[in-house]
């Protein structure tokens, strides 16, 4: 039985990044992953969906090239080639992670890891017929798609009529009619892609708005953009049945239905806490996820958890940072996890970028804030690239301390800009000091600076 300083269970963003950091810190590290390195994010989520969405964006530009004075008649989409390209991107990145693990000296076992308990030597994990022992362990088991007990849903998954985030990325034919159950990030991104490439898309959402906790004004602008492109939104509707080529839902007390060739179930995700022996350690759970403190520690000494499995903020970049916090504490370095400035992005066209408090959340918390809103049409580059665009940026400012509490925007490049707003919040820099920062011109991001000058 081989002894390690650290066993990392799960090779997604939180796991592989933490394993590399641990190895660089001098820890003998074992990484166990049952499928492919990169986890859901790289293989079935973040990266493959971005590959598809970029193909759709290029196709959109071709179809509207006359606006820019460019002739591009007869553009077509080849779904099989789009999927092939996506697979190539994923394969290259998975190989890259493997190379990083090898370079760092991390031992990788490609097998299902099952916790066998703990004794005086450490945590025991069986994988591929071998038992390994770790003085400490980091669980990064990730999450899985929620499949609620809606009549016909599981049967639809079995026969291919219904898909999750995994199957929808590998369709080699574009469905004529696609119904998306759930108006969150996954549902919206796939609705965006398939709408662009020719599907008639209907989004059925239980809430009265799309995009979950996103600022309501931003989510309304996004919905209006896609309604203009032909996506139908049925808000405040509860799906009651799936099958026979349709999705049935309750709307204002009446049962209605919409036809579908394919259905995407994108209701949400839940932490994976079963199937790998977690119960042998008597780990405390909270709302179905592993409970962790600000140091990523669980109630079991020497056991840490990072990423979706702790259910806090299910985003890959959150997992990166949580894993780093865990490793730093294992190495004896003081570090803690903070959740006030975690950016989130919806990679639709236009993109949405958000970080910090929204206008609604600030009000709910009783915070005394000033809300500054500015049109993206204040940017010369935005006007040049987005004729007729309706993008905005909203800055939420703490009146007492004169600091940024939140920034929310909808515009091209929002995904690449929002990290700067996260820095503003994380560093608690005052508005006066932020005004002294020079932004490049002409850029879309300089609208954020212009908004800061509107703060009273």
Foldseek 3Di string as FASTA:
>chain_A
DAEWQEEEEAQALLRLLLQLVLLVLPTAYEYEHQAFHRPCCLQQHVQLLVLLQVLLVVLVCLVVVVVVVDHRPDDADQLQVSLVVSVVVSVVVSVVSVVSCVVSNYHYAHFAWAWPAADPQATWIDGPRDIYGHNFYEYAQAKDADDDPAAPRVVCPVVVQEAESRVLSNDSDQWQEEEEEAQAQSSVSSQQSSLSNHHQYEYEYQAQFHHPPAFRVQRVLVVVVVVVSRYHYHYNWAFRHDDPQWTWIAHPNDIDIDGTSHYYYHHDIAADDDDRHNVSHVWDADPRAGDAFFLQDTPGPRYGYFECRNVDDHDSVRSSVSSVSNSCVSSVHDDTHDQQFDWDWRVHVFIKIKTFDHPVRCVVVVADWDKFKDFLVVFPVQCSVPPPDGKMKIWIARPVLQFTGMIIITGHCNVVQSVVVSCRNVVRDHLVVVLPDDDDPRDSNCVVSVRSVVDD
